[in-house]
Amino acid sequence: MSTMEQIESTISRLPRKLQKQVVERLNARLWPTGFDPAVEDAWSHTVKRRVSEMDSGKVEGIPASRVFARSRRLLARR
């Protein structure tokens, strides 16, 4: 297992709240000046809507392992 796969695996096992904290810290490190507030607001709305849809059962989530595997396949085509 590669280092990236180990990191992904570790993060995917964390509670959602801690996963969010990891993402926020990485974003702050990668983009220290932040994002456009309009973009932040749009994404915040989208995320809240999607979480609500998943919590209500309206949509079904895709396991992170499948998402990461598909992402790796798509990136390998480049």
Foldseek 3Di string as FASTA:
>chain_A
DDPVVVVLVVLLPDPPVVVVVVVVVVCCVVPVVDDDVVVVVVVVVVVVVVVVCCVVVVDDDDRSVVVVVVVVVVVVVD
